[in-house]
Every structure is written in C-alpha cells, then in structure tokens.
Amino acid sequence: MKQVAFKMKLIAGNEAEYLRRHQEIWPKLADLLKESGVSDYAIYLDPDTLDLFAVQKLRADFDEDKLKDNPIMKEWWEYMKDLMETNPDYSPKTSILKEVFYLP
C-alpha cells in the first residue's frame, strides 16, 4: 500500500460548512473511494492559513483517472466548489506533498 499526502485551500469563512459537509459524507462517495482503492483518508485544517492537508493510503490497483471520471466524484466536486479553491472542472486545486520523514 502506498501513502500520499497533498494540500488544498479552503476559502475564508467556510470552515464550519466544510466540516459539516464532511461529517455528512455521502455513503455513495465513501463507497466509491473505498472501491477505488483509497483507505485511511484523513484531512487536516490549518486554521491560520486555511490550508487543508490530506493523507491517503492507496492500494496498488488505485486508478486516479478512473476515480476522477466517476459521476459521483464530479458531483461531490460541484457540491464543494463554493468552499475551496478549484480547477475549471471543480476538482480541488492540489499540491502533492513530499515525504521528508517517516517512522514505521
């Protein structure tokens, strides 16, 4: 299993709504992520910068392109677009983070 980390950016004033929407994650989205090979997915918020830091564990058969093309994923992105910085397709703008330390 591979672990990846990335960051996203929340738009100021949306902290509570972002939290609420994730506390009420759609079961169909959670199922899709798991079926696609995503597990142990956590998102952390830096309240000073509004940076969101995400960490995922991915199975060897994880296919990012297939997940991005799924209508459920696209529906979620559209639902979240008003809360965070997004690309033209409403996917969140992300920056991959480089691992600099790991303690197994």
PDB file of N, CA and C in Angstrom:
ATOM      1  N   MET A   1       0.842  -1.172   0.000  1.00  0.00           N
ATOM      2  CA  MET A   1       0.000   0.000   0.000  1.00  0.00           C
ATOM      3  C   MET A   1       0.891   1.240   0.000  1.00  0.00           C
ATOM      4  N   LYS A   2       0.503   2.215  -0.781  1.00  0.00           N
ATOM      5  CA  LYS A   2       1.255   3.454  -0.917  1.00  0.00           C
ATOM      6  C   LYS A   2       0.524   4.562  -0.155  1.00  0.00           C
ATOM      7  N   GLN A   3       1.275   5.454   0.446  1.00  0.00           N
ATOM      8  CA  GLN A   3       0.681   6.598   1.137  1.00  0.00           C
ATOM      9  C   GLN A   3       1.021   7.866   0.371  1.00  0.00           C
ATOM     10  N   VAL A   4       0.018   8.727   0.188  1.00  0.00           N
ATOM     11  CA  VAL A   4       0.226  10.011  -0.466  1.00  0.00           C
ATOM     12  C   VAL A   4      -0.328  11.119   0.419  1.00  0.00           C
ATOM     13  N   ALA A   5       0.255  12.299   0.274  1.00  0.00           N
ATOM     14  CA  ALA A   5      -0.228  13.470   1.006  1.00  0.00           C
ATOM     15  C   ALA A   5      -0.293  14.641   0.030  1.00  0.00           C
ATOM     16  N   PHE A   6      -1.291  15.468   0.213  1.00  0.00           N
ATOM     17  CA  PHE A   6      -1.438  16.639  -0.644  1.00  0.00           C
ATOM     18  C   PHE A   6      -2.150  17.732   0.136  1.00  0.00           C
ATOM     19  N   LYS A   7      -2.065  18.958  -0.393  1.00  0.00           N
ATOM     20  CA  LYS A   7      -2.763  20.047   0.268  1.00  0.00           C
ATOM     21  C   LYS A   7      -3.740  20.702  -0.691  1.00  0.00           C
ATOM     22  N   MET A   8      -4.755  21.292  -0.093  1.00  0.00           N
ATOM     23  CA  MET A   8      -5.790  22.026  -0.804  1.00  0.00           C
ATOM     24  C   MET A   8      -5.982  23.335  -0.047  1.00  0.00           C
ATOM     25  N   LYS A   9      -6.839  24.214  -0.548  1.00  0.00           N
ATOM     26  CA  LYS A   9      -7.028  25.514   0.093  1.00  0.00           C
ATOM     27  C   LYS A   9      -8.513  25.787   0.287  1.00  0.00           C
ATOM     28  N   LEU A  10      -8.870  26.083   1.530  1.00  0.00           N
ATOM     29  CA  LEU A  10     -10.231  26.452   1.884  1.00  0.00           C
ATOM     30  C   LEU A  10     -10.397  27.955   1.691  1.00  0.00           C
ATOM     31  N   ILE A  11     -11.571  28.394   1.285  1.00  0.00           N
ATOM     32  CA  ILE A  11     -11.868  29.819   1.165  1.00  0.00           C
ATOM     33  C   ILE A  11     -12.337  30.310   2.530  1.00  0.00           C
ATOM     34  N   ALA A  12     -11.815  31.452   2.956  1.00  0.00           N
ATOM     35  CA  ALA A  12     -12.121  32.010   4.281  1.00  0.00           C
ATOM     36  C   ALA A  12     -13.628  32.086   4.525  1.00  0.00           C
ATOM     37  N   GLY A  13     -14.008  31.749   5.746  1.00  0.00           N
ATOM     38  CA  GLY A  13     -15.397  31.796   6.162  1.00  0.00           C
ATOM     39  C   GLY A  13     -16.161  30.500   5.948  1.00  0.00           C
ATOM     40  N   ASN A  14     -15.526  29.509   5.368  1.00  0.00           N
ATOM     41  CA  ASN A  14     -16.196  28.247   5.050  1.00  0.00           C
ATOM     42  C   ASN A  14     -15.780  27.081   5.934  1.00  0.00           C
ATOM     43  N   GLU A  15     -15.064  27.371   6.997  1.00  0.00           N
ATOM     44  CA  GLU A  15     -14.541  26.299   7.845  1.00  0.00           C
ATOM     45  C   GLU A  15     -15.650  25.410   8.402  1.00  0.00           C
ATOM     46  N   ALA A  16     -16.675  26.016   8.985  1.00  0.00           N
ATOM     47  CA  ALA A  16     -17.751  25.236   9.609  1.00  0.00           C
ATOM     48  C   ALA A  16     -18.525  24.425   8.568  1.00  0.00           C
ATOM     49  N   GLU A  17     -18.794  25.029   7.429  1.00  0.00           N
ATOM     50  CA  GLU A  17     -19.546  24.320   6.385  1.00  0.00           C
ATOM     51  C   GLU A  17     -18.735  23.176   5.792  1.00  0.00           C
ATOM     52  N   TYR A  18     -17.432  23.377   5.619  1.00  0.00           N
ATOM     53  CA  TYR A  18     -16.567  22.307   5.116  1.00  0.00           C
ATOM     54  C   TYR A  18     -16.601  21.122   6.085  1.00  0.00           C
ATOM     55  N   LEU A  19     -16.482  21.406   7.359  1.00  0.00           N
ATOM     56  CA  LEU A  19     -16.535  20.358   8.375  1.00  0.00           C
ATOM     57  C   LEU A  19     -17.892  19.652   8.348  1.00  0.00           C
ATOM     58  N   ARG A  20     -18.975  20.421   8.289  1.00  0.00           N
ATOM     59  CA  ARG A  20     -20.317  19.837   8.279  1.00  0.00           C
ATOM     60  C   ARG A  20     -20.502  18.893   7.092  1.00  0.00           C
ATOM     61  N   ARG A  21     -20.088  19.339   5.915  1.00  0.00           N
ATOM     62  CA  ARG A  21     -20.277  18.503   4.722  1.00  0.00           C
ATOM     63  C   ARG A  21     -19.465  17.210   4.800  1.00  0.00           C
ATOM     64  N   HIS A  22     -18.308  17.273   5.421  1.00  0.00           N
ATOM     65  CA  HIS A  22     -17.509  16.049   5.543  1.00  0.00           C
ATOM     66  C   HIS A  22     -18.009  15.145   6.670  1.00  0.00           C
ATOM     67  N   GLN A  23     -18.625  15.727   7.682  1.00  0.00           N
ATOM     68  CA  GLN A  23     -19.230  14.895   8.726  1.00  0.00           C
ATOM     69  C   GLN A  23     -20.444  14.151   8.181  1.00  0.00           C
ATOM     70  N   GLU A  24     -21.037  14.699   7.129  1.00  0.00           N
ATOM     71  CA  GLU A  24     -22.200  14.087   6.486  1.00  0.00           C
ATOM     72  C   GLU A  24     -21.810  13.528   5.113  1.00  0.00           C
ATOM     73  N   ILE A  25     -20.620  12.950   5.027  1.00  0.00           N
ATOM     74  CA  ILE A  25     -20.116  12.428   3.744  1.00  0.00           C
ATOM     75  C   ILE A  25     -21.153  11.495   3.129  1.00  0.00           C
ATOM     76  N   TRP A  26     -21.343  11.625   1.846  1.00  0.00           N
ATOM     77  CA  TRP A  26     -22.313  10.771   1.162  1.00  0.00           C
ATOM     78  C   TRP A  26     -21.840   9.320   1.225  1.00  0.00           C
ATOM     79  N   PRO A  27     -22.705   8.409   1.632  1.00  0.00           N
ATOM     80  CA  PRO A  27     -22.315   6.991   1.640  1.00  0.00           C
ATOM     81  C   PRO A  27     -21.840   6.510   0.268  1.00  0.00           C
ATOM     82  N   LYS A  28     -22.479   7.001  -0.804  1.00  0.00           N
ATOM     83  CA  LYS A  28     -22.070   6.570  -2.148  1.00  0.00           C
ATOM     84  C   LYS A  28     -20.659   7.061  -2.481  1.00  0.00           C
ATOM     85  N   LEU A  29     -20.248   8.203  -1.941  1.00  0.00           N
ATOM     86  CA  LEU A  29     -18.886   8.691  -2.163  1.00  0.00           C
ATOM     87  C   LEU A  29     -17.888   7.880  -1.341  1.00  0.00           C
ATOM     88  N   ALA A  30     -18.217   7.619  -0.090  1.00  0.00           N
ATOM     89  CA  ALA A  30     -17.338   6.798   0.754  1.00  0.00           C
ATOM     90  C   ALA A  30     -17.140   5.419   0.125  1.00  0.00           C
ATOM     91  N   ASP A  31     -18.221   4.830  -0.377  1.00  0.00           N
ATOM     92  CA  ASP A  31     -18.127   3.522  -1.038  1.00  0.00           C
ATOM     93  C   ASP A  31     -17.251   3.597  -2.282  1.00  0.00           C
ATOM     94  N   LEU A  32     -17.435   4.649  -3.076  1.00  0.00           N
ATOM     95  CA  LEU A  32     -16.637   4.817  -4.289  1.00  0.00           C
ATOM     96  C   LEU A  32     -15.149   4.920  -3.965  1.00  0.00           C
ATOM     97  N   LEU A  33     -14.805   5.724  -2.967  1.00  0.00           N
ATOM     98  CA  LEU A  33     -13.400   5.879  -2.590  1.00  0.00           C
ATOM     99  C   LEU A  33     -12.800   4.539  -2.166  1.00  0.00           C
ATOM    100  N   LYS A  34     -13.525   3.817  -1.327  1.00  0.00           N
ATOM    101  CA  LYS A  34     -13.032   2.516  -0.862  1.00  0.00           C
ATOM    102  C   LYS A  34     -12.896   1.528  -2.016  1.00  0.00           C
ATOM    103  N   GLU A  35     -13.919   1.472  -2.878  1.00  0.00           N
ATOM    104  CA  GLU A  35     -13.884   0.556  -4.025  1.00  0.00           C
ATOM    105  C   GLU A  35     -12.758   0.912  -4.993  1.00  0.00           C
ATOM    106  N   SER A  36     -12.396   2.196  -5.038  1.00  0.00           N
ATOM    107  CA  SER A  36     -11.342   2.664  -5.945  1.00  0.00           C
ATOM    108  C   SER A  36      -9.942   2.430  -5.398  1.00  0.00           C
ATOM    109  N   GLY A  37      -9.857   2.031  -4.125  1.00  0.00           N
ATOM    110  CA  GLY A  37      -8.550   1.729  -3.550  1.00  0.00           C
ATOM    111  C   GLY A  37      -8.035   2.745  -2.561  1.00  0.00           C
ATOM    112  N   VAL A  38      -8.887   3.672  -2.134  1.00  0.00           N
ATOM    113  CA  VAL A  38      -8.493   4.675  -1.143  1.00  0.00           C
ATOM    114  C   VAL A  38      -8.883   4.169   0.244  1.00  0.00           C
ATOM    115  N   SER A  39      -7.955   4.263   1.194  1.00  0.00           N
ATOM    116  CA  SER A  39      -8.273   3.907   2.580  1.00  0.00           C
ATOM    117  C   SER A  39      -7.519   4.832   3.521  1.00  0.00           C
ATOM    118  N   ASP A  40      -7.879   4.798   4.767  1.00  0.00           N
ATOM    119  CA  ASP A  40      -7.233   5.647   5.772  1.00  0.00           C
ATOM    120  C   ASP A  40      -7.067   7.070   5.261  1.00  0.00           C
ATOM    121  N   TYR A  41      -8.161   7.671   4.828  1.00  0.00           N
ATOM    122  CA  TYR A  41      -8.160   9.010   4.250  1.00  0.00           C
ATOM    123  C   TYR A  41      -8.482  10.001   5.358  1.00  0.00           C
ATOM    124  N   ALA A  42      -7.574  10.938   5.595  1.00  0.00           N
ATOM    125  CA  ALA A  42      -7.785  11.972   6.607  1.00  0.00           C
ATOM    126  C   ALA A  42      -7.458  13.331   6.006  1.00  0.00           C
ATOM    127  N   ILE A  43      -8.217  14.345   6.428  1.00  0.00           N
ATOM    128  CA  ILE A  43      -7.960  15.723   6.009  1.00  0.00           C
ATOM    129  C   ILE A  43      -7.820  16.559   7.272  1.00  0.00           C
ATOM    130  N   TYR A  44      -6.779  17.384   7.313  1.00  0.00           N
ATOM    131  CA  TYR A  44      -6.493  18.254   8.450  1.00  0.00           C
ATOM    132  C   TYR A  44      -6.539  19.705   7.986  1.00  0.00           C
ATOM    133  N   LEU A  45      -7.039  20.582   8.844  1.00  0.00           N
ATOM    134  CA  LEU A  45      -7.126  22.011   8.541  1.00  0.00           C
ATOM    135  C   LEU A  45      -6.140  22.793   9.391  1.00  0.00           C
ATOM    136  N   ASP A  46      -5.350  23.657   8.747  1.00  0.00           N
ATOM    137  CA  ASP A  46      -4.532  24.641   9.458  1.00  0.00           C
ATOM    138  C   ASP A  46      -5.386  25.901   9.549  1.00  0.00           C
ATOM    139  N   PRO A  47      -5.931  26.219  10.726  1.00  0.00           N
ATOM    140  CA  PRO A  47      -6.852  27.346  10.835  1.00  0.00           C
ATOM    141  C   PRO A  47      -6.201  28.706  10.576  1.00  0.00           C
ATOM    142  N   ASP A  48      -4.887  28.790  10.695  1.00  0.00           N
ATOM    143  CA  ASP A  48      -4.199  30.060  10.449  1.00  0.00           C
ATOM    144  C   ASP A  48      -4.054  30.365   8.961  1.00  0.00           C
ATOM    145  N   THR A  49      -3.830  29.338   8.147  1.00  0.00           N
ATOM    146  CA  THR A  49      -3.598  29.547   6.712  1.00  0.00           C
ATOM    147  C   THR A  49      -4.756  29.070   5.838  1.00  0.00           C
ATOM    148  N   LEU A  50      -5.670  28.296   6.421  1.00  0.00           N
ATOM    149  CA  LEU A  50      -6.780  27.648   5.718  1.00  0.00           C
ATOM    150  C   LEU A  50      -6.302  26.592   4.721  1.00  0.00           C
ATOM    151  N   ASP A  51      -5.067  26.131   4.909  1.00  0.00           N
ATOM    152  CA  ASP A  51      -4.575  25.006   4.119  1.00  0.00           C
ATOM    153  C   ASP A  51      -5.196  23.724   4.653  1.00  0.00           C
ATOM    154  N   LEU A  52      -5.608  22.875   3.736  1.00  0.00           N
ATOM    155  CA  LEU A  52      -6.128  21.550   4.061  1.00  0.00           C
ATOM    156  C   LEU A  52      -5.059  20.541   3.681  1.00  0.00           C
ATOM    157  N   PHE A  53      -4.682  19.688   4.612  1.00  0.00           N
ATOM    158  CA  PHE A  53      -3.665  18.666   4.371  1.00  0.00           C
ATOM    159  C   PHE A  53      -4.346  17.303   4.380  1.00  0.00           C
ATOM    160  N   ALA A  54      -4.210  16.578   3.294  1.00  0.00           N
ATOM    161  CA  ALA A  54      -4.859  15.275   3.169  1.00  0.00           C
ATOM    162  C   ALA A  54      -3.812  14.173   3.089  1.00  0.00           C
ATOM    163  N   VAL A  55      -4.126  13.052   3.717  1.00  0.00           N
ATOM    164  CA  VAL A  55      -3.266  11.868   3.678  1.00  0.00           C
ATOM    165  C   VAL A  55      -4.148  10.679   3.315  1.00  0.00           C
ATOM    166  N   GLN A  56      -3.702   9.916   2.327  1.00  0.00           N
ATOM    167  CA  GLN A  56      -4.441   8.741   1.879  1.00  0.00           C
ATOM    168  C   GLN A  56      -3.500   7.552   1.762  1.00  0.00           C
ATOM    169  N   LYS A  57      -4.031   6.396   2.049  1.00  0.00           N
ATOM    170  CA  LYS A  57      -3.347   5.154   1.709  1.00  0.00           C
ATOM    171  C   LYS A  57      -4.061   4.599   0.484  1.00  0.00           C
ATOM    172  N   LEU A  58      -3.255   4.171  -0.498  1.00  0.00           N
ATOM    173  CA  LEU A  58      -3.797   3.710  -1.771  1.00  0.00           C
ATOM    174  C   LEU A  58      -3.345   2.289  -2.067  1.00  0.00           C
ATOM    175  N   ARG A  59      -4.296   1.451  -2.474  1.00  0.00           N
ATOM    176  CA  ARG A  59      -3.957   0.100  -2.915  1.00  0.00           C
ATOM    177  C   ARG A  59      -3.167   0.168  -4.217  1.00  0.00           C
ATOM    178  N   ALA A  60      -2.488  -0.904  -4.532  1.00  0.00           N
ATOM    179  CA  ALA A  60      -1.689  -0.974  -5.761  1.00  0.00           C
ATOM    180  C   ALA A  60      -2.548  -0.798  -7.012  1.00  0.00           C
ATOM    181  N   ASP A  61      -3.832  -1.193  -6.937  1.00  0.00           N
ATOM    182  CA  ASP A  61      -4.701  -1.092  -8.112  1.00  0.00           C
ATOM    183  C   ASP A  61      -5.452   0.238  -8.196  1.00  0.00           C
ATOM    184  N   PHE A  62      -5.094   1.211  -7.378  1.00  0.00           N
ATOM    185  CA  PHE A  62      -5.749   2.520  -7.410  1.00  0.00           C
ATOM    186  C   PHE A  62      -5.553   3.166  -8.780  1.00  0.00           C
ATOM    187  N   ASP A  63      -6.650   3.682  -9.346  1.00  0.00           N
ATOM    188  CA  ASP A  63      -6.618   4.330 -10.659  1.00  0.00           C
ATOM    189  C   ASP A  63      -7.201   5.730 -10.515  1.00  0.00           C
ATOM    190  N   GLU A  64      -6.332   6.718 -10.413  1.00  0.00           N
ATOM    191  CA  GLU A  64      -6.766   8.101 -10.189  1.00  0.00           C
ATOM    192  C   GLU A  64      -7.648   8.615 -11.322  1.00  0.00           C
ATOM    193  N   ASP A  65      -7.302   8.305 -12.557  1.00  0.00           N
ATOM    194  CA  ASP A  65      -8.090   8.789 -13.693  1.00  0.00           C
ATOM    195  C   ASP A  65      -9.506   8.226 -13.675  1.00  0.00           C
ATOM    196  N   LYS A  66      -9.635   6.965 -13.329  1.00  0.00           N
ATOM    197  CA  LYS A  66     -10.961   6.341 -13.255  1.00  0.00           C
ATOM    198  C   LYS A  66     -11.805   7.013 -12.169  1.00  0.00           C
ATOM    199  N   LEU A  67     -11.194   7.319 -11.039  1.00  0.00           N
ATOM    200  CA  LEU A  67     -11.912   7.983  -9.954  1.00  0.00           C
ATOM    201  C   LEU A  67     -12.346   9.380 -10.383  1.00  0.00           C
ATOM    202  N   LYS A  68     -11.456  10.126 -11.019  1.00  0.00           N
ATOM    203  CA  LYS A  68     -11.769  11.491 -11.454  1.00  0.00           C
ATOM    204  C   LYS A  68     -12.887  11.531 -12.488  1.00  0.00           C
ATOM    205  N   ASP A  69     -13.038  10.468 -13.271  1.00  0.00           N
ATOM    206  CA  ASP A  69     -14.070  10.418 -14.307  1.00  0.00           C
ATOM    207  C   ASP A  69     -15.420   9.938 -13.786  1.00  0.00           C
ATOM    208  N   ASN A  70     -15.475   9.495 -12.544  1.00  0.00           N
ATOM    209  CA  ASN A  70     -16.713   8.946 -11.998  1.00  0.00           C
ATOM    210  C   ASN A  70     -17.729  10.061 -11.731  1.00  0.00           C
ATOM    211  N   PRO A  71     -18.986   9.888 -12.140  1.00  0.00           N
ATOM    212  CA  PRO A  71     -20.010  10.916 -11.926  1.00  0.00           C
ATOM    213  C   PRO A  71     -20.230  11.276 -10.451  1.00  0.00           C
ATOM    214  N   ILE A  72     -20.064  10.323  -9.551  1.00  0.00           N
ATOM    215  CA  ILE A  72     -20.225  10.614  -8.119  1.00  0.00           C
ATOM    216  C   ILE A  72     -19.136  11.569  -7.657  1.00  0.00           C
ATOM    217  N   MET A  73     -17.905  11.344  -8.096  1.00  0.00           N
ATOM    218  CA  MET A  73     -16.801  12.220  -7.724  1.00  0.00           C
ATOM    219  C   MET A  73     -17.030  13.623  -8.270  1.00  0.00           C
ATOM    220  N   LYS A  74     -17.472  13.708  -9.522  1.00  0.00           N
ATOM    221  CA  LYS A  74     -17.739  15.007 -10.140  1.00  0.00           C
ATOM    222  C   LYS A  74     -18.872  15.738  -9.427  1.00  0.00           C
ATOM    223  N   GLU A  75     -19.876  15.002  -9.005  1.00  0.00           N
ATOM    224  CA  GLU A  75     -20.997  15.594  -8.255  1.00  0.00           C
ATOM    225  C   GLU A  75     -20.506  16.160  -6.921  1.00  0.00           C
ATOM    226  N   TRP A  76     -19.608  15.445  -6.233  1.00  0.00           N
ATOM    227  CA  TRP A  76     -19.047  15.912  -4.966  1.00  0.00           C
ATOM    228  C   TRP A  76     -18.231  17.188  -5.182  1.00  0.00           C
ATOM    229  N   TRP A  77     -17.416  17.186  -6.226  1.00  0.00           N
ATOM    230  CA  TRP A  77     -16.613  18.378  -6.509  1.00  0.00           C
ATOM    231  C   TRP A  77     -17.509  19.590  -6.741  1.00  0.00           C
ATOM    232  N   GLU A  78     -18.585  19.408  -7.491  1.00  0.00           N
ATOM    233  CA  GLU A  78     -19.501  20.525  -7.741  1.00  0.00           C
ATOM    234  C   GLU A  78     -20.148  20.990  -6.438  1.00  0.00           C
ATOM    235  N   TYR A  79     -20.479  20.054  -5.578  1.00  0.00           N
ATOM    236  CA  TYR A  79     -21.067  20.353  -4.270  1.00  0.00           C
ATOM    237  C   TYR A  79     -20.096  21.151  -3.395  1.00  0.00           C
ATOM    238  N   MET A  80     -18.814  20.901  -3.536  1.00  0.00           N
ATOM    239  CA  MET A  80     -17.797  21.537  -2.689  1.00  0.00           C
ATOM    240  C   MET A  80     -17.174  22.791  -3.301  1.00  0.00           C
ATOM    241  N   LYS A  81     -17.463  23.108  -4.539  1.00  0.00           N
ATOM    242  CA  LYS A  81     -16.754  24.159  -5.273  1.00  0.00           C
ATOM    243  C   LYS A  81     -16.840  25.537  -4.635  1.00  0.00           C
ATOM    244  N   ASP A  82     -17.896  25.830  -3.924  1.00  0.00           N
ATOM    245  CA  ASP A  82     -18.045  27.152  -3.320  1.00  0.00           C
ATOM    246  C   ASP A  82     -17.240  27.310  -2.032  1.00  0.00           C
ATOM    247  N   LEU A  83     -16.638  26.237  -1.540  1.00  0.00           N
ATOM    248  CA  LEU A  83     -15.931  26.278  -0.261  1.00  0.00           C
ATOM    249  C   LEU A  83     -14.414  26.321  -0.388  1.00  0.00           C
ATOM    250  N   MET A  84     -13.892  25.964  -1.555  1.00  0.00           N
ATOM    251  CA  MET A  84     -12.440  25.814  -1.685  1.00  0.00           C
ATOM    252  C   MET A  84     -11.971  26.227  -3.072  1.00  0.00           C
ATOM    253  N   GLU A  85     -10.662  26.408  -3.199  1.00  0.00           N
ATOM    254  CA  GLU A  85     -10.090  26.732  -4.500  1.00  0.00           C
ATOM    255  C   GLU A  85     -10.184  25.506  -5.397  1.00  0.00           C
ATOM    256  N   THR A  86     -10.684  25.727  -6.626  1.00  0.00           N
ATOM    257  CA  THR A  86     -10.903  24.610  -7.540  1.00  0.00           C
ATOM    258  C   THR A  86     -10.352  24.907  -8.933  1.00  0.00           C
ATOM    259  N   ASN A  87     -10.217  23.845  -9.686  1.00  0.00           N
ATOM    260  CA  ASN A  87      -9.864  23.918 -11.099  1.00  0.00           C
ATOM    261  C   ASN A  87     -11.140  24.160 -11.908  1.00  0.00           C
ATOM    262  N   PRO A  88     -11.015  24.437 -13.218  1.00  0.00           N
ATOM    263  CA  PRO A  88     -12.217  24.660 -14.036  1.00  0.00           C
ATOM    264  C   PRO A  88     -13.230  23.509 -14.007  1.00  0.00           C
ATOM    265  N   ASP A  89     -12.774  22.269 -13.785  1.00  0.00           N
ATOM    266  CA  ASP A  89     -13.708  21.129 -13.701  1.00  0.00           C
ATOM    267  C   ASP A  89     -14.256  20.930 -12.287  1.00  0.00           C
ATOM    268  N   TYR A  90     -13.978  21.890 -11.396  1.00  0.00           N
ATOM    269  CA  TYR A  90     -14.403  21.901  -9.985  1.00  0.00           C
ATOM    270  C   TYR A  90     -13.628  20.949  -9.097  1.00  0.00           C
ATOM    271  N   SER A  91     -12.678  20.213  -9.643  1.00  0.00           N
ATOM    272  CA  SER A  91     -11.809  19.409  -8.775  1.00  0.00           C
ATOM    273  C   SER A  91     -10.988  20.364  -7.920  1.00  0.00           C
ATOM    274  N   PRO A  92     -10.666  19.978  -6.700  1.00  0.00           N
ATOM    275  CA  PRO A  92      -9.886  20.891  -5.858  1.00  0.00           C
ATOM    276  C   PRO A  92      -8.480  21.093  -6.407  1.00  0.00           C
ATOM    277  N   LYS A  93      -8.005  22.323  -6.303  1.00  0.00           N
ATOM    278  CA  LYS A  93      -6.600  22.579  -6.632  1.00  0.00           C
ATOM    279  C   LYS A  93      -5.769  21.881  -5.569  1.00  0.00           C
ATOM    280  N   THR A  94      -4.812  21.084  -5.998  1.00  0.00           N
ATOM    281  CA  THR A  94      -3.995  20.322  -5.055  1.00  0.00           C
ATOM    282  C   THR A  94      -2.515  20.506  -5.347  1.00  0.00           C
ATOM    283  N   SER A  95      -1.732  20.359  -4.304  1.00  0.00           N
ATOM    284  CA  SER A  95      -0.275  20.311  -4.413  1.00  0.00           C
ATOM    285  C   SER A  95       0.175  19.052  -3.690  1.00  0.00           C
ATOM    286  N   ILE A  96       0.895  18.200  -4.394  1.00  0.00           N
ATOM    287  CA  ILE A  96       1.411  16.973  -3.787  1.00  0.00           C
ATOM    288  C   ILE A  96       2.509  17.345  -2.798  1.00  0.00           C
ATOM    289  N   LEU A  97       2.483  16.720  -1.634  1.00  0.00           N
ATOM    290  CA  LEU A  97       3.486  16.972  -0.600  1.00  0.00           C
ATOM    291  C   LEU A  97       4.559  15.894  -0.653  1.00  0.00           C
ATOM    292  N   LYS A  98       5.776  16.317  -0.467  1.00  0.00           N
ATOM    293  CA  LYS A  98       6.915  15.402  -0.484  1.00  0.00           C
ATOM    294  C   LYS A  98       7.162  14.884   0.932  1.00  0.00           C
ATOM    295  N   GLU A  99       7.238  13.576   1.060  1.00  0.00           N
ATOM    296  CA  GLU A  99       7.543  12.988   2.365  1.00  0.00           C
ATOM    297  C   GLU A  99       9.004  13.265   2.708  1.00  0.00           C
ATOM    298  N   VAL A 100       9.227  13.821   3.897  1.00  0.00           N
ATOM    299  CA  VAL A 100      10.597  14.111   4.335  1.00  0.00           C
ATOM    300  C   VAL A 100      10.991  13.304   5.565  1.00  0.00           C
ATOM    301  N   PHE A 101      10.006  12.640   6.184  1.00  0.00           N
ATOM    302  CA  PHE A 101      10.306  11.789   7.334  1.00  0.00           C
ATOM    303  C   PHE A 101       9.193  10.772   7.484  1.00  0.00           C
ATOM    304  N   TYR A 102       9.572   9.561   7.877  1.00  0.00           N
ATOM    305  CA  TYR A 102       8.604   8.504   8.149  1.00  0.00           C
ATOM    306  C   TYR A 102       9.171   7.607   9.236  1.00  0.00           C
ATOM    307  N   LEU A 103       8.375   7.352  10.253  1.00  0.00           N
ATOM    308  CA  LEU A 103       8.764   6.438  11.326  1.00  0.00           C
ATOM    309  C   LEU A 103       7.806   5.256  11.285  1.00  0.00           C
ATOM    310  N   PRO A 104       8.258   4.094  10.809  1.00  0.00           N
ATOM    311  CA  PRO A 104       7.357   2.935  10.733  1.00  0.00           C
ATOM    312  C   PRO A 104       7.056   2.351  12.114  1.00  0.00           C
TER     313      PRO A 104
END
